[in-house]
Amino acid sequence: MSPATRLPCPPLPQYIAAMSAPARYEDLLALPRERVGEIVNGVPYSHPRPAPKHVRSSSALGGQLAAC
């Protein structure tokens, strides 16, 4: 796939698509438990929560890099 090729974006979930005002912290609290989110320039972004195995490996890698 060339860098110019863009994949179609999936539709936003209703709890994000329905937002017309800038996002607030309360909007992040309303996300389902299996999702994490952040607000960038008033726009909410959400993605699945990382699996515990990925979190452990990421923490271990970060610790090794910090020790260098």
N, C-alpha and C. Protein backbone atom coordinates (compact mmCIF):
# COMPACT_ATOMS: atom_id res chain seq x y z
N MET A 1 0.85 -1.17 0.00
CA MET A 1 0.00 0.00 0.00
C MET A 1 0.89 1.24 0.00
N SER A 2 0.67 2.15 -0.87
CA SER A 2 1.48 3.36 -0.94
C SER A 2 1.07 4.33 0.17
N PRO A 3 1.97 5.24 0.56
CA PRO A 3 1.62 6.19 1.63
C PRO A 3 0.43 7.06 1.29
N ALA A 4 0.18 7.28 0.00
CA ALA A 4 -0.94 8.13 -0.39
C ALA A 4 -2.28 7.41 -0.29
N THR A 5 -2.26 6.09 -0.21
CA THR A 5 -3.50 5.33 -0.13
C THR A 5 -4.07 5.44 1.28
N ARG A 6 -5.31 5.83 1.38
CA ARG A 6 -5.95 5.96 2.69
C ARG A 6 -7.04 4.92 2.82
N LEU A 7 -7.07 4.28 3.92
CA LEU A 7 -8.14 3.33 4.20
C LEU A 7 -9.36 4.09 4.68
N PRO A 8 -10.56 3.60 4.38
CA PRO A 8 -11.74 4.29 4.87
C PRO A 8 -11.82 4.18 6.39
N CYS A 9 -12.19 5.26 7.04
CA CYS A 9 -12.32 5.26 8.49
C CYS A 9 -13.67 4.63 8.88
N PRO A 10 -13.66 3.81 9.93
CA PRO A 10 -14.94 3.27 10.38
C PRO A 10 -15.78 4.39 10.98
N PRO A 11 -17.08 4.24 10.99
CA PRO A 11 -17.92 5.29 11.56
C PRO A 11 -17.65 5.41 13.06
N LEU A 12 -17.75 6.63 13.56
CA LEU A 12 -17.55 6.86 14.99
C LEU A 12 -18.71 6.27 15.78
N PRO A 13 -18.42 5.75 16.96
CA PRO A 13 -19.52 5.28 17.81
C PRO A 13 -20.45 6.43 18.13
N GLN A 14 -21.69 6.13 18.45
CA GLN A 14 -22.68 7.17 18.71
C GLN A 14 -22.26 8.09 19.84
N TYR A 15 -21.60 7.54 20.87
CA TYR A 15 -21.27 8.40 22.00
C TYR A 15 -20.20 9.42 21.66
N ILE A 16 -19.52 9.26 20.52
CA ILE A 16 -18.55 10.27 20.07
C ILE A 16 -19.13 11.07 18.92
N ALA A 17 -19.80 10.41 17.98
CA ALA A 17 -20.31 11.09 16.79
C ALA A 17 -21.37 12.13 17.13
N ALA A 18 -22.11 11.93 18.22
CA ALA A 18 -23.19 12.84 18.58
C ALA A 18 -22.67 14.15 19.18
N MET A 19 -21.38 14.24 19.44
CA MET A 19 -20.84 15.42 20.09
C MET A 19 -20.67 16.56 19.09
N SER A 20 -21.22 17.73 19.44
CA SER A 20 -21.03 18.89 18.58
C SER A 20 -20.21 19.96 19.29
N ALA A 21 -20.21 19.95 20.62
CA ALA A 21 -19.42 20.90 21.40
C ALA A 21 -18.05 20.29 21.69
N PRO A 22 -17.08 21.11 22.07
CA PRO A 22 -15.77 20.55 22.43
C PRO A 22 -15.91 19.51 23.55
N ALA A 23 -15.10 18.49 23.49
CA ALA A 23 -15.17 17.41 24.46
C ALA A 23 -14.75 17.89 25.84
N ARG A 24 -15.26 17.22 26.86
CA ARG A 24 -14.94 17.52 28.25
C ARG A 24 -14.48 16.25 28.94
N TYR A 25 -13.92 16.40 30.12
CA TYR A 25 -13.44 15.25 30.88
C TYR A 25 -14.58 14.28 31.17
N GLU A 26 -15.76 14.80 31.41
CA GLU A 26 -16.93 13.95 31.68
C GLU A 26 -17.24 13.03 30.51
N ASP A 27 -16.92 13.49 29.29
CA ASP A 27 -17.14 12.65 28.11
C ASP A 27 -16.21 11.43 28.13
N LEU A 28 -15.00 11.62 28.63
CA LEU A 28 -14.08 10.48 28.74
C LEU A 28 -14.57 9.50 29.81
N LEU A 29 -15.13 10.02 30.88
CA LEU A 29 -15.66 9.15 31.93
C LEU A 29 -16.85 8.34 31.44
N ALA A 30 -17.53 8.82 30.41
CA ALA A 30 -18.70 8.12 29.88
C ALA A 30 -18.34 6.99 28.92
N LEU A 31 -17.06 6.86 28.57
CA LEU A 31 -16.65 5.78 27.67
C LEU A 31 -16.87 4.43 28.34
N PRO A 32 -17.15 3.40 27.55
CA PRO A 32 -17.26 2.05 28.13
C PRO A 32 -15.94 1.65 28.78
N ARG A 33 -16.01 0.78 29.76
CA ARG A 33 -14.84 0.38 30.54
C ARG A 33 -13.73 -0.24 29.69
N GLU A 34 -14.09 -0.87 28.59
CA GLU A 34 -13.07 -1.54 27.76
C GLU A 34 -12.37 -0.58 26.79
N ARG A 35 -12.66 0.71 26.88
CA ARG A 35 -12.02 1.70 26.00
C ARG A 35 -11.33 2.76 26.83
N VAL A 36 -10.26 3.34 26.26
CA VAL A 36 -9.58 4.48 26.86
C VAL A 36 -9.66 5.62 25.87
N GLY A 37 -9.52 6.82 26.36
CA GLY A 37 -9.63 7.95 25.46
C GLY A 37 -8.79 9.13 25.90
N GLU A 38 -8.70 10.08 25.02
CA GLU A 38 -7.99 11.33 25.30
C GLU A 38 -8.66 12.44 24.50
N ILE A 39 -8.42 13.67 24.92
CA ILE A 39 -8.97 14.83 24.22
C ILE A 39 -7.79 15.62 23.67
N VAL A 40 -7.81 15.86 22.36
CA VAL A 40 -6.76 16.63 21.69
C VAL A 40 -7.43 17.80 20.98
N ASN A 41 -7.11 19.00 21.40
CA ASN A 41 -7.71 20.21 20.81
C ASN A 41 -9.23 20.14 20.79
N GLY A 42 -9.83 19.65 21.87
CA GLY A 42 -11.27 19.61 21.98
C GLY A 42 -11.94 18.46 21.26
N VAL A 43 -11.16 17.59 20.62
CA VAL A 43 -11.70 16.45 19.88
C VAL A 43 -11.41 15.17 20.66
N PRO A 44 -12.45 14.37 20.95
CA PRO A 44 -12.21 13.13 21.69
C PRO A 44 -11.70 12.02 20.77
N TYR A 45 -10.74 11.27 21.27
CA TYR A 45 -10.22 10.09 20.57
C TYR A 45 -10.33 8.91 21.52
N SER A 46 -10.77 7.78 21.00
CA SER A 46 -10.98 6.60 21.82
C SER A 46 -10.41 5.38 21.11
N HIS A 47 -9.87 4.44 21.89
CA HIS A 47 -9.36 3.20 21.31
C HIS A 47 -9.49 2.10 22.36
N PRO A 48 -9.42 0.85 21.95
CA PRO A 48 -9.55 -0.25 22.91
C PRO A 48 -8.43 -0.20 23.95
N ARG A 49 -8.77 -0.59 25.15
CA ARG A 49 -7.79 -0.66 26.23
C ARG A 49 -6.75 -1.73 25.89
N PRO A 50 -5.45 -1.45 26.11
CA PRO A 50 -4.43 -2.46 25.81
C PRO A 50 -4.59 -3.71 26.68
N ALA A 51 -4.24 -4.84 26.12
CA ALA A 51 -4.29 -6.10 26.87
C ALA A 51 -3.20 -6.08 27.94
N PRO A 52 -3.43 -6.74 29.08
CA PRO A 52 -2.44 -6.74 30.16
C PRO A 52 -1.05 -7.19 29.71
N LYS A 53 -0.98 -8.16 28.80
CA LYS A 53 0.32 -8.63 28.31
C LYS A 53 1.07 -7.51 27.59
N HIS A 54 0.36 -6.71 26.83
CA HIS A 54 1.01 -5.60 26.12
C HIS A 54 1.47 -4.52 27.09
N VAL A 55 0.69 -4.28 28.13
CA VAL A 55 1.07 -3.27 29.12
C VAL A 55 2.34 -3.70 29.84
N ARG A 56 2.41 -4.96 30.23
CA ARG A 56 3.61 -5.46 30.93
C ARG A 56 4.85 -5.36 30.05
N SER A 57 4.73 -5.76 28.80
CA SER A 57 5.90 -5.71 27.91
C SER A 57 6.31 -4.26 27.63
N SER A 58 5.35 -3.37 27.50
CA SER A 58 5.66 -1.96 27.27
C SER A 58 6.37 -1.36 28.49
N SER A 59 5.90 -1.70 29.68
CA SER A 59 6.54 -1.20 30.90
C SER A 59 7.96 -1.75 31.04
N ALA A 60 8.14 -3.03 30.74
CA ALA A 60 9.47 -3.63 30.83
C ALA A 60 10.42 -2.98 29.83
N LEU A 61 9.96 -2.74 28.63
CA LEU A 61 10.79 -2.10 27.61
C LEU A 61 11.16 -0.67 28.03
N GLY A 62 10.17 0.05 28.57
CA GLY A 62 10.44 1.41 29.03
C GLY A 62 11.47 1.43 30.15
N GLY A 63 11.39 0.44 31.05
CA GLY A 63 12.37 0.37 32.13
C GLY A 63 13.77 0.08 31.61
N GLN A 64 13.86 -0.78 30.63
CA GLN A 64 15.17 -1.10 30.05
C GLN A 64 15.76 0.11 29.32
N LEU A 65 14.91 0.86 28.61
CA LEU A 65 15.39 2.04 27.90
C LEU A 65 15.82 3.13 28.87
N ALA A 66 15.11 3.26 29.98
CA ALA A 66 15.45 4.28 30.97
C ALA A 66 16.78 3.97 31.65
N ALA A 67 17.12 2.69 31.74
CA ALA A 67 18.36 2.28 32.40
C ALA A 67 19.58 2.54 31.52
N CYS A 68 19.38 2.80 30.24
CA CYS A 68 20.51 3.01 29.32
C CYS A 68 21.17 4.35 29.54
